[in-house]
Every structure is written in structure tokens, then in C-alpha cells.
C-alpha atoms as a PDB file:
ATOM      1  CA  MET A   1      28.186 105.132 -74.130  1.00  0.00           C
ATOM      2  CA  THR A   2      27.908 102.481 -71.877  1.00  0.00           C
ATOM      3  CA  ARG A   3      31.178 100.589 -70.505  1.00  0.00           C
ATOM      4  CA  MET A   4      30.763  97.595 -72.667  1.00  0.00           C
ATOM      5  CA  LEU A   5      30.110  99.593 -75.679  1.00  0.00           C
ATOM      6  CA  PHE A   6      33.234 101.569 -74.977  1.00  0.00           C
ATOM      7  CA  VAL A   7      35.449  98.090 -73.948  1.00  0.00           C
ATOM      8  CA  GLY A   8      34.328  96.315 -77.241  1.00  0.00           C
ATOM      9  CA  LEU A   9      35.230  99.114 -79.369  1.00  0.00           C
ATOM     10  CA  LEU A  10      38.787  99.309 -77.453  1.00  0.00           C
ATOM     11  CA  LEU A  11      38.674  96.017 -78.697  1.00  0.00           C
ATOM     12  CA  LEU A  12      38.290  96.194 -82.376  1.00  0.00           C
ATOM     13  CA  VAL A  13      40.388  99.797 -82.386  1.00  0.00           C
ATOM     14  CA  ALA A  14      43.165  97.714 -80.985  1.00  0.00           C
ATOM     15  CA  THR A  15      43.172  94.680 -82.474  1.00  0.00           C
ATOM     16  CA  GLY A  16      42.594  96.147 -85.819  1.00  0.00           C
ATOM     17  CA  ALA A  17      45.160  98.296 -85.295  1.00  0.00           C
ATOM     18  CA  PHE A  18      47.701  95.982 -84.380  1.00  0.00           C
ATOM     19  CA  VAL A  19      47.364  93.706 -87.508  1.00  0.00           C
ATOM     20  CA  ALA A  20      47.258  96.409 -89.551  1.00  0.00           C
ATOM     21  CA  LEU A  21      50.920  97.678 -88.689  1.00  0.00           C
ATOM     22  CA  ALA A  22      51.801  94.136 -87.621  1.00  0.00           C
ATOM     23  CA  ILE A  23      51.116  93.505 -91.378  1.00  0.00           C
ATOM     24  CA  ALA A  24      52.501  96.492 -92.439  1.00  0.00           C
ATOM     25  CA  GLY A  25      55.598  96.092 -91.315  1.00  0.00           C
ATOM     26  CA  ASN A  26      56.198  92.460 -92.033  1.00  0.00           C
ATOM     27  CA  LEU A  27      55.165  92.279 -96.107  1.00  0.00           C
ATOM     28  CA  SER A  28      59.097  91.372 -97.114  1.00  0.00           C
ATOM     29  CA  GLY A  29      58.202  88.004 -95.230  1.00  0.00           C
ATOM     30  CA  GLY A  30      61.116  85.691 -95.358  1.00  0.00           C
ATOM     31  CA  PRO A  31      62.324  82.320 -93.300  1.00  0.00           C
ATOM     32  CA  ASP A  32      62.583  83.914 -90.009  1.00  0.00           C
ATOM     33  CA  TYR A  33      59.341  85.375 -89.816  1.00  0.00           C
ATOM     34  CA  THR A  34      60.285  88.460 -87.365  1.00  0.00           C
ATOM     35  CA  VAL A  35      57.571  89.826 -86.594  1.00  0.00           C
ATOM     36  CA  ALA A  36      57.816  93.983 -85.895  1.00  0.00           C
ATOM     37  CA  VAL A  37      55.498  96.943 -84.906  1.00  0.00           C
ATOM     38  CA  LEU A  38      56.319 100.361 -85.460  1.00  0.00           C
ATOM     39  CA  ASP A  39      59.992  99.277 -86.516  1.00  0.00           C
ATOM     40  CA  HIS A  40      60.818  97.291 -82.947  1.00  0.00           C
ATOM     41  CA  PRO A  41      60.593  93.546 -83.391  1.00  0.00           C
ATOM     42  CA  ILE A  42      58.893  91.873 -80.915  1.00  0.00           C
ATOM     43  CA  ALA A  43      59.554  88.286 -81.890  1.00  0.00           C
ATOM     44  CA  THR A  44      60.817  85.880 -84.196  1.00  0.00           C
ATOM     45  CA  MET A  45      58.372  83.466 -84.792  1.00  0.00           C
ATOM     46  CA  ASN A  46      57.915  79.725 -86.930  1.00  0.00           C
ATOM     47  CA  SER A  47      54.694  78.988 -89.432  1.00  0.00           C
ATOM     48  CA  LEU A  48      52.736  77.820 -86.233  1.00  0.00           C
ATOM     49  CA  ALA A  49      53.116  80.655 -84.301  1.00  0.00           C
ATOM     50  CA  VAL A  50      52.586  83.341 -86.839  1.00  0.00           C
ATOM     51  CA  PHE A  51      49.230  81.018 -87.056  1.00  0.00           C
ATOM     52  CA  SER A  52      47.889  80.528 -84.205  1.00  0.00           C
ATOM     53  CA  ALA A  53      48.406  84.064 -83.049  1.00  0.00           C
ATOM     54  CA  GLY A  54      46.816  84.957 -86.324  1.00  0.00           C
ATOM     55  CA  LEU A  55      43.749  82.884 -84.566  1.00  0.00           C
ATOM     56  CA  VAL A  56      43.995  84.719 -81.228  1.00  0.00           C
ATOM     57  CA  LEU A  57      43.270  88.241 -82.771  1.00  0.00           C
ATOM     58  CA  ALA A  58      41.082  86.496 -85.326  1.00  0.00           C
ATOM     59  CA  LEU A  59      38.917  85.340 -81.725  1.00  0.00           C
ATOM     60  CA  LEU A  60      39.831  89.161 -79.770  1.00  0.00           C
ATOM     61  CA  PHE A  61      38.264  91.056 -83.014  1.00  0.00           C
ATOM     62  CA  ALA A  62      35.587  88.953 -83.241  1.00  0.00           C
ATOM     63  CA  LEU A  63      34.666  89.433 -79.275  1.00  0.00           C
ATOM     64  CA  GLY A  64      35.197  92.970 -79.750  1.00  0.00           C
ATOM     65  CA  LEU A  65      32.475  92.797 -82.424  1.00  0.00           C
ATOM     66  CA  ALA A  66      30.486  90.709 -80.347  1.00  0.00           C
ATOM     67  CA  THR A  67      30.871  92.893 -77.430  1.00  0.00           C
ATOM     68  CA  VAL A  68      29.842  96.231 -79.693  1.00  0.00           C
ATOM     69  CA  VAL A  69      26.635  94.451 -81.260  1.00  0.00           C
ATOM     70  CA  ASN A  70      24.961  93.254 -77.757  1.00  0.00           C
ATOM     71  CA  ALA A  71      26.113  96.403 -76.309  1.00  0.00           C
ATOM     72  CA  ALA A  72      23.914  98.400 -79.154  1.00  0.00           C
ATOM     73  CA  THR A  73      21.587  96.019 -78.764  1.00  0.00           C
ATOM     74  CA  HIS A  74      20.462  95.986 -75.449  1.00  0.00           C
ATOM     75  CA  PRO A  75      19.999  98.950 -73.280  1.00  0.00           C
ATOM     76  CA  ARG A  76      21.429  98.447 -69.849  1.00  0.00           C
ATOM     77  CA  HIS A  77      18.406 101.054 -68.370  1.00  0.00           C
ATOM     78  CA  GLY A  78      15.421 101.437 -68.212  1.00  0.00           C
ATOM     79  CA  GLY A  79      13.729  98.085 -69.556  1.00  0.00           C
ATOM     80  CA  ARG A  80      12.572  96.323 -66.401  1.00  0.00           C
ATOM     81  CA  GLY A  81      11.298  99.622 -64.485  1.00  0.00           C
ATOM     82  CA  ARG A  82       9.148 100.441 -67.456  1.00  0.00           C
ATOM     83  CA  HIS A  83       7.572  96.903 -68.325  1.00  0.00           C
ATOM     84  CA  ARG A  84       6.892  96.798 -64.436  1.00  0.00           C
ATOM     85  CA  ALA A  85       5.540  99.964 -64.272  1.00  0.00           C
ATOM     86  CA  ARG A  86       3.107  98.781 -67.699  1.00  0.00           C
ATOM     87  CA  ARG A  87       2.214  95.305 -65.917  1.00  0.00           C
ATOM     88  CA  THR A  88       1.117  96.883 -62.616  1.00  0.00           C
ATOM     89  CA  THR A  89      -0.682  99.975 -64.935  1.00  0.00           C
ATOM     90  CA  ALA A  90      -2.629  97.236 -67.036  1.00  0.00           C
ATOM     91  CA  ALA A  91      -3.634  95.498 -64.053  1.00  0.00           C
ATOM     92  CA  ASP A  92      -4.980  98.293 -62.293  1.00  0.00           C
ATOM     93  CA  GLU A  93      -7.274  98.744 -65.133  1.00  0.00           C
ATOM     94  CA  THR A  94      -8.605  95.447 -65.775  1.00  0.00           C
ATOM     95  CA  ALA A  95      -9.377  95.555 -61.805  1.00  0.00           C
ATOM     96  CA  GLY A  96     -12.691  96.752 -60.489  1.00  0.00           C
ATOM     97  CA  PRO A  97     -13.163 100.328 -58.346  1.00  0.00           C
ATOM     98  CA  GLU A  98     -13.496  97.992 -55.269  1.00  0.00           C
ATOM     99  CA  THR A  99     -10.082  96.662 -55.558  1.00  0.00           C
ATOM    100  CA  ARG A 100      -8.287  99.987 -56.815  1.00  0.00           C
ATOM    101  CA  PRO A 101      -6.025 101.926 -53.855  1.00  0.00           C
END
């Protein structure tokens, strides 16, 4: 597992767990919007602060998802060396016997 895949998965899991715990602990709502995770109050927020925090968490989740997709679809090792070796081999095959090493 590459480091970028691990970091992306860590971001996905951490933001998902935080959002799930924050929602589960704050279903009662109320005018003061006290945010608590695992029965520990973190902050008292107004509606603009709650909206902004939601935007930041959504952006972190999207960053983690993009990192996972990028790491899964673009392998880090072996791509350039194999391509260069194939190109050299193809050039050697098209060259005449007098130019081969």
C-alpha cells in the first residue's frame, strides 16, 4: 500500500468518523448548537459556524477521496522504466545489424 493511498484512506475514515459521531451526539439540536463528540463538548457554534465547519469537513472528505482514487489508479513504481525499456528494445529491433551493440 503506498503512502498516498494510506493518507487518503486515513482522511476518509477520520472525517467520516468525526461527522458520524458529531451527528449522533447532536441530534437534539437547539438554539445554542453545542457540538459534542463522545459526550465531550467541543464548541458552541452559531448556524454560520456550523455551516462553515460542514464545508470544511466536506472538502477534507473530497480531498481524501481524490487522494485514494489517484493512488489507486496511478501506480507509483515501474511505469517509466518499463516504457523506456520497451522503447529501447523496439528501436534496437528496427535498426540494422550494423548498428546493434
